[in-house]
Amino acid sequence: MKAIDAIESRRSIRKFTERAVTRDEIERLLDAAVLAPNHKLTQPWRFYVLGPESRRAYGLALANRKARKMEDEAAANLVREKVSGEHAALPAMIAVAMPIEENAETRDENYAAVMMALQNLALAAVQLGLGTHIKTGAVMEDPAARAAAGVAEGEKIVATINVGEAAEVPTPKDRTPAASLTTWVP
């Protein structure tokens, strides 16, 4: 598959089949991820492959954040069961972290490198016939989510990525053409 074809066909997959993602497939994805450009070869990415129990615990951390906003405790408990169960059932989930860096320039460069690594992983998944869904958000600062992912002290979760065989592939969303966002500077 050509790179441009993988880029054009990549989608955020929200529903996966029950097919397990093999360790070999995950290792191939991670090997592609670490080929991302990174300033001064800092290699800032750290990968945490979550098993079913860790995925359930991470989902529960997310669900608890949602449930806190609910007044009805029975409804909140249903959210907890649903979200934690959905996470446990994922074929694969990887938390991607980076070392916390005090220097702002290095921190920004490392963050950019980690996001490029995630894109490499997502594109490699397309080539392997897998789908991905990259997720970010405030839950990644939650101590329960960090504990569920096993993230080391001194590291920050940048994103999680769900991986599996797509049960549904959404149609592409409209994008603003690059020409409308481009200024050619003489």
N, C-alpha and C. Protein backbone atom coordinates (compact mmCIF):
# COMPACT_ATOMS: atom_id res chain seq x y z
N MET A 1 0.85 -1.18 0.00
CA MET A 1 0.00 0.00 0.00
C MET A 1 0.89 1.24 0.00
N LYS A 2 0.56 2.19 -0.81
CA LYS A 2 1.29 3.44 -0.85
C LYS A 2 0.90 4.30 0.35
N ALA A 3 1.85 5.12 0.81
CA ALA A 3 1.60 5.97 1.98
C ALA A 3 0.39 6.87 1.77
N ILE A 4 0.27 7.47 0.60
CA ILE A 4 -0.86 8.37 0.33
C ILE A 4 -2.19 7.62 0.43
N ASP A 5 -2.20 6.35 0.01
CA ASP A 5 -3.43 5.55 0.11
C ASP A 5 -3.79 5.31 1.58
N ALA A 6 -2.79 5.02 2.41
CA ALA A 6 -3.05 4.81 3.84
C ALA A 6 -3.56 6.10 4.47
N ILE A 7 -2.97 7.23 4.10
CA ILE A 7 -3.41 8.53 4.64
C ILE A 7 -4.85 8.80 4.25
N GLU A 8 -5.17 8.57 2.98
CA GLU A 8 -6.52 8.86 2.49
C GLU A 8 -7.57 7.91 3.04
N SER A 9 -7.19 6.70 3.42
CA SER A 9 -8.18 5.73 3.90
C SER A 9 -8.26 5.63 5.42
N ARG A 10 -7.35 6.27 6.15
CA ARG A 10 -7.38 6.22 7.61
C ARG A 10 -8.62 6.91 8.15
N ARG A 11 -9.27 6.28 9.11
CA ARG A 11 -10.46 6.83 9.77
C ARG A 11 -10.34 6.57 11.27
N SER A 12 -11.07 7.34 12.05
CA SER A 12 -11.18 7.04 13.48
C SER A 12 -12.27 5.97 13.62
N ILE A 13 -11.86 4.79 14.08
CA ILE A 13 -12.77 3.65 14.19
C ILE A 13 -13.30 3.58 15.62
N ARG A 14 -14.59 3.54 15.73
CA ARG A 14 -15.21 3.49 17.06
C ARG A 14 -15.77 2.11 17.40
N LYS A 15 -16.01 1.29 16.38
CA LYS A 15 -16.54 -0.05 16.61
C LYS A 15 -15.61 -1.06 15.97
N PHE A 16 -15.20 -2.03 16.79
CA PHE A 16 -14.27 -3.06 16.35
C PHE A 16 -14.94 -4.43 16.39
N THR A 17 -14.42 -5.35 15.59
CA THR A 17 -14.85 -6.74 15.68
C THR A 17 -14.23 -7.34 16.94
N GLU A 18 -14.58 -8.57 17.22
CA GLU A 18 -14.03 -9.24 18.40
C GLU A 18 -12.65 -9.85 18.14
N ARG A 19 -12.15 -9.77 16.91
CA ARG A 19 -10.85 -10.36 16.59
C ARG A 19 -9.77 -9.72 17.44
N ALA A 20 -8.99 -10.57 18.09
CA ALA A 20 -7.90 -10.07 18.92
C ALA A 20 -6.79 -9.51 18.03
N VAL A 21 -6.12 -8.50 18.54
CA VAL A 21 -4.93 -7.96 17.89
C VAL A 21 -3.75 -8.72 18.50
N THR A 22 -2.93 -9.30 17.66
CA THR A 22 -1.84 -10.13 18.16
C THR A 22 -0.69 -9.28 18.70
N ARG A 23 0.11 -9.90 19.53
CA ARG A 23 1.30 -9.23 20.05
C ARG A 23 2.22 -8.83 18.90
N ASP A 24 2.35 -9.69 17.90
CA ASP A 24 3.18 -9.38 16.74
C ASP A 24 2.66 -8.13 16.02
N GLU A 25 1.36 -8.03 15.85
CA GLU A 25 0.78 -6.85 15.20
C GLU A 25 1.07 -5.59 16.02
N ILE A 26 0.89 -5.68 17.32
CA ILE A 26 1.16 -4.52 18.18
C ILE A 26 2.63 -4.13 18.10
N GLU A 27 3.50 -5.12 18.12
CA GLU A 27 4.93 -4.81 18.03
C GLU A 27 5.28 -4.17 16.69
N ARG A 28 4.65 -4.60 15.62
CA ARG A 28 4.89 -3.98 14.31
C ARG A 28 4.42 -2.53 14.31
N LEU A 29 3.29 -2.28 14.94
CA LEU A 29 2.78 -0.90 15.03
C LEU A 29 3.73 -0.02 15.84
N LEU A 30 4.21 -0.55 16.94
CA LEU A 30 5.13 0.22 17.79
C LEU A 30 6.46 0.45 17.09
N ASP A 31 6.92 -0.55 16.33
CA ASP A 31 8.15 -0.38 15.56
C ASP A 31 8.00 0.74 14.53
N ALA A 32 6.82 0.86 13.93
CA ALA A 32 6.56 1.95 12.99
C ALA A 32 6.50 3.29 13.72
N ALA A 33 5.90 3.28 14.90
CA ALA A 33 5.76 4.52 15.68
C ALA A 33 7.11 5.15 15.99
N VAL A 34 8.07 4.33 16.40
CA VAL A 34 9.36 4.88 16.84
C VAL A 34 10.23 5.37 15.68
N LEU A 35 9.76 5.24 14.46
CA LEU A 35 10.48 5.79 13.31
C LEU A 35 10.13 7.25 13.06
N ALA A 36 9.26 7.81 13.89
CA ALA A 36 8.85 9.21 13.72
C ALA A 36 10.02 10.15 13.95
N PRO A 37 10.01 11.28 13.24
CA PRO A 37 11.06 12.27 13.48
C PRO A 37 11.00 12.77 14.92
N ASN A 38 12.17 13.02 15.49
CA ASN A 38 12.21 13.60 16.84
C ASN A 38 13.51 14.36 17.00
N HIS A 39 13.36 15.61 17.44
CA HIS A 39 14.48 16.54 17.56
C HIS A 39 15.55 15.99 18.50
N LYS A 40 16.78 15.99 18.04
CA LYS A 40 17.93 15.53 18.83
C LYS A 40 17.81 14.07 19.27
N LEU A 41 17.00 13.31 18.56
CA LEU A 41 16.76 11.90 18.88
C LEU A 41 16.42 11.68 20.36
N THR A 42 15.53 12.51 20.87
CA THR A 42 15.11 12.36 22.28
C THR A 42 14.28 11.10 22.49
N GLN A 43 13.65 10.60 21.42
CA GLN A 43 12.80 9.41 21.49
C GLN A 43 11.89 9.47 22.73
N PRO A 44 11.03 10.49 22.76
CA PRO A 44 10.27 10.77 23.98
C PRO A 44 9.08 9.87 24.25
N TRP A 45 8.76 8.99 23.34
CA TRP A 45 7.55 8.17 23.48
C TRP A 45 7.77 7.02 24.46
N ARG A 46 6.72 6.73 25.19
CA ARG A 46 6.67 5.57 26.08
C ARG A 46 5.33 4.90 25.80
N PHE A 47 5.34 3.58 25.62
CA PHE A 47 4.13 2.86 25.24
C PHE A 47 3.72 1.90 26.37
N TYR A 48 2.45 1.92 26.69
CA TYR A 48 1.89 1.03 27.70
C TYR A 48 0.73 0.27 27.03
N VAL A 49 0.93 -1.02 26.80
CA VAL A 49 -0.09 -1.85 26.16
C VAL A 49 -0.96 -2.41 27.28
N LEU A 50 -2.23 -2.02 27.26
CA LEU A 50 -3.14 -2.37 28.35
C LEU A 50 -3.88 -3.68 28.07
N GLY A 51 -3.85 -4.58 29.04
CA GLY A 51 -4.63 -5.81 28.96
C GLY A 51 -6.07 -5.53 29.38
N PRO A 52 -6.93 -6.56 29.36
CA PRO A 52 -8.35 -6.36 29.66
C PRO A 52 -8.63 -5.72 31.02
N GLU A 53 -7.91 -6.14 32.06
CA GLU A 53 -8.14 -5.57 33.39
C GLU A 53 -7.71 -4.10 33.44
N SER A 54 -6.59 -3.79 32.83
CA SER A 54 -6.12 -2.40 32.79
C SER A 54 -7.06 -1.54 31.95
N ARG A 55 -7.54 -2.08 30.84
CA ARG A 55 -8.51 -1.34 30.01
C ARG A 55 -9.78 -1.07 30.79
N ARG A 56 -10.25 -2.08 31.55
CA ARG A 56 -11.47 -1.89 32.34
C ARG A 56 -11.24 -0.80 33.39
N ALA A 57 -10.09 -0.83 34.06
CA ALA A 57 -9.79 0.18 35.08
C ALA A 57 -9.67 1.57 34.46
N TYR A 58 -9.07 1.66 33.28
CA TYR A 58 -8.97 2.96 32.60
C TYR A 58 -10.38 3.45 32.24
N GLY A 59 -11.20 2.55 31.69
CA GLY A 59 -12.58 2.90 31.36
C GLY A 59 -13.37 3.33 32.58
N LEU A 60 -13.11 2.69 33.72
CA LEU A 60 -13.79 3.08 34.95
C LEU A 60 -13.37 4.48 35.39
N ALA A 61 -12.10 4.81 35.23
CA ALA A 61 -11.64 6.17 35.56
C ALA A 61 -12.36 7.19 34.69
N LEU A 62 -12.50 6.90 33.41
CA LEU A 62 -13.23 7.79 32.51
C LEU A 62 -14.71 7.86 32.91
N ALA A 63 -15.29 6.71 33.20
CA ALA A 63 -16.71 6.66 33.57
C ALA A 63 -16.98 7.41 34.87
N ASN A 64 -16.08 7.28 35.83
CA ASN A 64 -16.26 8.00 37.09
C ASN A 64 -16.28 9.51 36.87
N ARG A 65 -15.49 10.00 35.95
CA ARG A 65 -15.50 11.43 35.62
C ARG A 65 -16.85 11.83 35.05
N LYS A 66 -17.41 10.98 34.21
CA LYS A 66 -18.73 11.26 33.62
C LYS A 66 -19.82 11.13 34.69
N ALA A 67 -19.71 10.11 35.54
CA ALA A 67 -20.73 9.83 36.54
C ALA A 67 -20.83 10.94 37.59
N ARG A 68 -19.71 11.60 37.88
CA ARG A 68 -19.73 12.70 38.87
C ARG A 68 -20.67 13.83 38.48
N LYS A 69 -20.95 13.94 37.20
CA LYS A 69 -21.82 15.01 36.71
C LYS A 69 -23.30 14.63 36.76
N MET A 70 -23.57 13.39 37.16
CA MET A 70 -24.94 12.88 37.15
C MET A 70 -25.53 12.90 38.56
N GLU A 71 -26.78 13.28 38.65
CA GLU A 71 -27.46 13.30 39.95
C GLU A 71 -28.06 11.94 40.30
N ASP A 72 -28.49 11.20 39.31
CA ASP A 72 -29.11 9.90 39.52
C ASP A 72 -28.02 8.83 39.67
N GLU A 73 -27.88 8.27 40.88
CA GLU A 73 -26.81 7.30 41.15
C GLU A 73 -26.99 6.01 40.36
N ALA A 74 -28.22 5.59 40.12
CA ALA A 74 -28.45 4.38 39.33
C ALA A 74 -27.97 4.59 37.89
N ALA A 75 -28.27 5.75 37.34
CA ALA A 75 -27.82 6.07 35.98
C ALA A 75 -26.29 6.18 35.96
N ALA A 76 -25.71 6.75 37.00
CA ALA A 76 -24.25 6.87 37.09
C ALA A 76 -23.60 5.48 37.12
N ASN A 77 -24.20 4.56 37.86
CA ASN A 77 -23.67 3.19 37.92
C ASN A 77 -23.75 2.49 36.56
N LEU A 78 -24.84 2.75 35.83
CA LEU A 78 -24.96 2.18 34.49
C LEU A 78 -23.86 2.71 33.56
N VAL A 79 -23.54 4.00 33.69
CA VAL A 79 -22.46 4.59 32.90
C VAL A 79 -21.14 3.91 33.26
N ARG A 80 -20.91 3.72 34.55
CA ARG A 80 -19.68 3.07 34.99
C ARG A 80 -19.55 1.66 34.40
N GLU A 81 -20.63 0.89 34.47
CA GLU A 81 -20.62 -0.47 33.93
C GLU A 81 -20.42 -0.47 32.42
N LYS A 82 -21.13 0.41 31.72
CA LYS A 82 -21.06 0.46 30.27
C LYS A 82 -19.67 0.86 29.78
N VAL A 83 -19.15 1.96 30.28
CA VAL A 83 -17.86 2.47 29.77
C VAL A 83 -16.71 1.54 30.16
N SER A 84 -16.71 1.04 31.39
CA SER A 84 -15.62 0.14 31.78
C SER A 84 -15.70 -1.16 30.99
N GLY A 85 -16.91 -1.65 30.73
CA GLY A 85 -17.08 -2.86 29.94
C GLY A 85 -16.66 -2.68 28.49
N GLU A 86 -16.99 -1.52 27.92
CA GLU A 86 -16.57 -1.23 26.54
C GLU A 86 -15.04 -1.21 26.42
N HIS A 87 -14.39 -0.62 27.42
CA HIS A 87 -12.92 -0.56 27.38
C HIS A 87 -12.32 -1.96 27.54
N ALA A 88 -12.86 -2.75 28.44
CA ALA A 88 -12.35 -4.11 28.63
C ALA A 88 -12.48 -4.93 27.37
N ALA A 89 -13.53 -4.68 26.59
CA ALA A 89 -13.80 -5.45 25.39
C ALA A 89 -12.99 -5.00 24.17
N LEU A 90 -12.28 -3.90 24.27
CA LEU A 90 -11.48 -3.44 23.13
C LEU A 90 -10.46 -4.51 22.74
N PRO A 91 -10.23 -4.70 21.45
CA PRO A 91 -9.20 -5.67 21.03
C PRO A 91 -7.81 -5.29 21.53
N ALA A 92 -7.49 -4.00 21.52
CA ALA A 92 -6.19 -3.53 22.02
C ALA A 92 -6.30 -2.05 22.34
N MET A 93 -5.53 -1.63 23.34
CA MET A 93 -5.48 -0.22 23.73
C MET A 93 -4.07 0.07 24.21
N ILE A 94 -3.53 1.15 23.71
CA ILE A 94 -2.17 1.55 24.07
C ILE A 94 -2.21 2.97 24.61
N ALA A 95 -1.63 3.16 25.79
CA ALA A 95 -1.45 4.52 26.31
C ALA A 95 -0.07 4.97 25.86
N VAL A 96 -0.01 6.17 25.33
CA VAL A 96 1.25 6.72 24.85
C VAL A 96 1.60 7.92 25.72
N ALA A 97 2.76 7.82 26.35
CA ALA A 97 3.18 8.85 27.30
C ALA A 97 4.51 9.44 26.86
N MET A 98 4.90 10.50 27.55
CA MET A 98 6.20 11.11 27.32
C MET A 98 6.72 11.63 28.65
N PRO A 99 8.04 11.73 28.78
CA PRO A 99 8.59 12.28 30.01
C PRO A 99 8.17 13.74 30.18
N ILE A 100 7.90 14.12 31.42
CA ILE A 100 7.58 15.52 31.71
C ILE A 100 8.88 16.31 31.63
N GLU A 101 8.86 17.34 30.83
CA GLU A 101 10.05 18.15 30.57
C GLU A 101 9.79 19.59 30.99
N GLU A 102 10.65 20.13 31.82
CA GLU A 102 10.47 21.51 32.28
C GLU A 102 10.77 22.53 31.19
N ASN A 103 11.74 22.26 30.34
CA ASN A 103 12.10 23.18 29.27
C ASN A 103 10.97 23.21 28.24
N ALA A 104 10.36 24.38 28.03
CA ALA A 104 9.19 24.50 27.15
C ALA A 104 9.50 24.10 25.71
N GLU A 105 10.65 24.48 25.21
CA GLU A 105 10.99 24.14 23.83
C GLU A 105 11.13 22.63 23.65
N THR A 106 11.83 21.99 24.56
CA THR A 106 11.99 20.53 24.49
C THR A 106 10.65 19.85 24.67
N ARG A 107 9.83 20.35 25.59
CA ARG A 107 8.50 19.78 25.84
C ARG A 107 7.66 19.82 24.57
N ASP A 108 7.65 20.98 23.88
CA ASP A 108 6.87 21.11 22.65
C ASP A 108 7.41 20.19 21.55
N GLU A 109 8.72 20.11 21.43
CA GLU A 109 9.31 19.23 20.41
C GLU A 109 8.98 17.77 20.71
N ASN A 110 9.05 17.39 21.97
CA ASN A 110 8.73 16.01 22.34
C ASN A 110 7.26 15.68 22.09
N TYR A 111 6.38 16.63 22.43
CA TYR A 111 4.96 16.42 22.19
C TYR A 111 4.69 16.22 20.70
N ALA A 112 5.30 17.07 19.87
CA ALA A 112 5.12 16.95 18.42
C ALA A 112 5.61 15.59 17.95
N ALA A 113 6.75 15.14 18.47
CA ALA A 113 7.30 13.84 18.07
C ALA A 113 6.36 12.71 18.46
N VAL A 114 5.79 12.77 19.65
CA VAL A 114 4.87 11.73 20.10
C VAL A 114 3.64 11.69 19.20
N MET A 115 3.13 12.85 18.83
CA MET A 115 1.96 12.87 17.95
C MET A 115 2.30 12.32 16.56
N MET A 116 3.52 12.58 16.08
CA MET A 116 3.93 11.99 14.80
C MET A 116 4.06 10.48 14.94
N ALA A 117 4.53 10.02 16.08
CA ALA A 117 4.61 8.57 16.32
C ALA A 117 3.22 7.94 16.28
N LEU A 118 2.24 8.63 16.86
CA LEU A 118 0.87 8.13 16.82
C LEU A 118 0.35 8.06 15.39
N GLN A 119 0.68 9.06 14.59
CA GLN A 119 0.25 9.02 13.19
C GLN A 119 0.92 7.86 12.45
N ASN A 120 2.21 7.65 12.69
CA ASN A 120 2.89 6.49 12.09
C ASN A 120 2.16 5.20 12.47
N LEU A 121 1.84 5.06 13.75
CA LEU A 121 1.15 3.87 14.24
C LEU A 121 -0.19 3.70 13.53
N ALA A 122 -0.95 4.79 13.42
CA ALA A 122 -2.27 4.72 12.79
C ALA A 122 -2.16 4.34 11.31
N LEU A 123 -1.16 4.87 10.63
CA LEU A 123 -0.99 4.54 9.20
C LEU A 123 -0.50 3.12 9.01
N ALA A 124 0.38 2.66 9.89
CA ALA A 124 0.82 1.26 9.83
C ALA A 124 -0.35 0.33 10.08
N ALA A 125 -1.26 0.72 10.97
CA ALA A 125 -2.44 -0.10 11.24
C ALA A 125 -3.29 -0.26 9.98
N VAL A 126 -3.45 0.81 9.22
CA VAL A 126 -4.22 0.73 7.98
C VAL A 126 -3.59 -0.32 7.06
N GLN A 127 -2.28 -0.30 6.94
CA GLN A 127 -1.60 -1.26 6.07
C GLN A 127 -1.80 -2.70 6.55
N LEU A 128 -1.91 -2.88 7.87
CA LEU A 128 -2.11 -4.22 8.43
C LEU A 128 -3.59 -4.63 8.45
N GLY A 129 -4.46 -3.77 7.93
CA GLY A 129 -5.89 -4.09 7.93
C GLY A 129 -6.56 -3.82 9.25
N LEU A 130 -5.97 -2.96 10.06
CA LEU A 130 -6.52 -2.63 11.37
C LEU A 130 -7.00 -1.18 11.38
N GLY A 131 -7.86 -0.88 12.32
CA GLY A 131 -8.33 0.49 12.51
C GLY A 131 -7.86 1.01 13.85
N THR A 132 -7.88 2.32 13.99
CA THR A 132 -7.45 2.95 15.24
C THR A 132 -8.38 4.10 15.60
N HIS A 133 -8.33 4.46 16.85
CA HIS A 133 -9.01 5.66 17.34
C HIS A 133 -8.10 6.30 18.38
N ILE A 134 -7.53 7.45 18.04
CA ILE A 134 -6.65 8.18 18.95
C ILE A 134 -7.52 9.06 19.83
N LYS A 135 -7.29 8.97 21.14
CA LYS A 135 -8.11 9.73 22.09
C LYS A 135 -7.21 10.55 23.02
N THR A 136 -7.64 11.78 23.26
CA THR A 136 -6.96 12.67 24.18
C THR A 136 -8.00 13.19 25.17
N GLY A 137 -7.57 13.97 26.16
CA GLY A 137 -8.53 14.57 27.07
C GLY A 137 -8.05 14.63 28.50
N ALA A 138 -8.83 15.29 29.30
CA ALA A 138 -8.46 15.54 30.69
C ALA A 138 -8.34 14.27 31.52
N VAL A 139 -9.00 13.19 31.11
CA VAL A 139 -8.92 11.94 31.87
C VAL A 139 -7.48 11.47 32.01
N MET A 140 -6.64 11.87 31.10
CA MET A 140 -5.25 11.40 31.11
C MET A 140 -4.44 11.96 32.27
N GLU A 141 -4.96 12.99 32.91
CA GLU A 141 -4.32 13.55 34.11
C GLU A 141 -4.88 12.90 35.37
N ASP A 142 -5.97 12.15 35.23
CA ASP A 142 -6.64 11.54 36.37
C ASP A 142 -5.73 10.48 36.99
N PRO A 143 -5.50 10.55 38.31
CA PRO A 143 -4.64 9.55 38.96
C PRO A 143 -5.10 8.11 38.74
N ALA A 144 -6.41 7.88 38.70
CA ALA A 144 -6.91 6.52 38.48
C ALA A 144 -6.60 6.04 37.07
N ALA A 145 -6.70 6.92 36.09
CA ALA A 145 -6.38 6.56 34.71
C ALA A 145 -4.88 6.29 34.57
N ARG A 146 -4.08 7.14 35.21
CA ARG A 146 -2.63 6.95 35.17
C ARG A 146 -2.24 5.62 35.81
N ALA A 147 -2.87 5.30 36.93
CA ALA A 147 -2.58 4.04 37.62
C ALA A 147 -3.02 2.85 36.77
N ALA A 148 -4.18 2.97 36.13
CA ALA A 148 -4.67 1.88 35.29
C ALA A 148 -3.72 1.60 34.13
N ALA A 149 -3.14 2.67 33.57
CA ALA A 149 -2.22 2.52 32.44
C ALA A 149 -0.82 2.15 32.89
N GLY A 150 -0.53 2.26 34.18
CA GLY A 150 0.79 1.92 34.69
C GLY A 150 1.86 2.93 34.33
N VAL A 151 1.44 4.16 34.05
CA VAL A 151 2.38 5.20 33.63
C VAL A 151 3.31 5.57 34.78
N ALA A 152 4.60 5.65 34.45
CA ALA A 152 5.63 5.92 35.46
C ALA A 152 5.56 7.37 35.96
N GLU A 153 6.06 7.57 37.16
CA GLU A 153 6.21 8.92 37.69
C GLU A 153 7.10 9.70 36.74
N GLY A 154 6.82 10.97 36.59
CA GLY A 154 7.63 11.80 35.71
C GLY A 154 7.24 11.69 34.25
N GLU A 155 6.13 10.99 33.97
CA GLU A 155 5.62 10.88 32.61
C GLU A 155 4.19 11.39 32.54
N LYS A 156 3.82 11.84 31.36
CA LYS A 156 2.48 12.37 31.10
C LYS A 156 1.87 11.56 29.97
N ILE A 157 0.62 11.13 30.13
CA ILE A 157 -0.09 10.47 29.03
C ILE A 157 -0.44 11.54 28.01
N VAL A 158 -0.06 11.30 26.77
CA VAL A 158 -0.37 12.23 25.68
C VAL A 158 -1.67 11.82 25.01
N ALA A 159 -1.85 10.51 24.81
CA ALA A 159 -3.05 10.00 24.14
C ALA A 159 -3.15 8.51 24.41
N THR A 160 -4.34 8.00 24.19
CA THR A 160 -4.51 6.55 24.11
C THR A 160 -4.94 6.25 22.68
N ILE A 161 -4.65 5.04 22.25
CA ILE A 161 -5.06 4.64 20.92
C ILE A 161 -5.67 3.25 21.00
N ASN A 162 -6.92 3.17 20.57
CA ASN A 162 -7.61 1.89 20.49
C ASN A 162 -7.28 1.29 19.13
N VAL A 163 -7.05 -0.02 19.12
CA VAL A 163 -6.64 -0.70 17.88
C VAL A 163 -7.46 -1.97 17.73
N GLY A 164 -7.89 -2.23 16.51
CA GLY A 164 -8.61 -3.47 16.24
C GLY A 164 -9.05 -3.53 14.80
N GLU A 165 -9.67 -4.63 14.47
CA GLU A 165 -10.25 -4.77 13.14
C GLU A 165 -11.57 -3.99 13.13
N ALA A 166 -11.74 -3.12 12.16
CA ALA A 166 -12.92 -2.26 12.11
C ALA A 166 -14.19 -3.08 11.86
N ALA A 167 -15.20 -2.86 12.69
CA ALA A 167 -16.52 -3.44 12.44
C ALA A 167 -17.30 -2.51 11.51
N GLU A 168 -17.02 -1.23 11.61
CA GLU A 168 -17.63 -0.21 10.75
C GLU A 168 -16.56 0.81 10.40
N VAL A 169 -16.55 1.22 9.14
CA VAL A 169 -15.64 2.28 8.71
C VAL A 169 -16.49 3.48 8.34
N PRO A 170 -16.35 4.56 9.08
CA PRO A 170 -17.18 5.74 8.78
C PRO A 170 -16.78 6.37 7.44
N THR A 171 -17.75 7.06 6.85
CA THR A 171 -17.44 7.80 5.63
C THR A 171 -16.55 8.98 5.99
N PRO A 172 -15.74 9.43 5.05
CA PRO A 172 -14.85 10.55 5.36
C PRO A 172 -15.65 11.82 5.66
N LYS A 173 -15.13 12.60 6.58
CA LYS A 173 -15.76 13.88 6.90
C LYS A 173 -15.16 14.94 5.98
N ASP A 174 -15.96 15.94 5.69
CA ASP A 174 -15.48 17.03 4.85
C ASP A 174 -14.31 17.73 5.52
N ARG A 175 -13.31 18.02 4.74
CA ARG A 175 -12.13 18.75 5.20
C ARG A 175 -11.98 20.00 4.35
N THR A 176 -11.48 21.04 4.97
CA THR A 176 -11.18 22.25 4.23
C THR A 176 -9.99 21.94 3.31
N PRO A 177 -10.11 22.25 2.03
CA PRO A 177 -8.98 21.99 1.13
C PRO A 177 -7.73 22.76 1.56
N ALA A 178 -6.58 22.13 1.41
CA ALA A 178 -5.32 22.75 1.81
C ALA A 178 -5.13 24.09 1.12
N ALA A 179 -5.57 24.20 -0.13
CA ALA A 179 -5.39 25.46 -0.87
C ALA A 179 -6.07 26.63 -0.17
N SER A 180 -7.18 26.36 0.55
CA SER A 180 -7.88 27.43 1.28
C SER A 180 -7.16 27.84 2.56
N LEU A 181 -6.21 27.04 2.99
CA LEU A 181 -5.49 27.30 4.23
C LEU A 181 -4.02 27.64 4.00
N THR A 182 -3.66 27.82 2.75
CA THR A 182 -2.26 27.99 2.38
C THR A 182 -1.98 29.40 1.87
N THR A 183 -0.93 30.00 2.38
CA THR A 183 -0.43 31.27 1.87
C THR A 183 0.95 31.02 1.31
N TRP A 184 1.16 31.38 0.07
CA TRP A 184 2.46 31.24 -0.59
C TRP A 184 3.20 32.54 -0.36
N VAL A 185 4.26 32.49 0.39
CA VAL A 185 5.01 33.68 0.77
C VAL A 185 6.22 33.83 -0.15
N PRO A 186 6.29 34.98 -0.87
CA PRO A 186 7.42 35.16 -1.78
C PRO A 186 8.74 35.40 -1.04
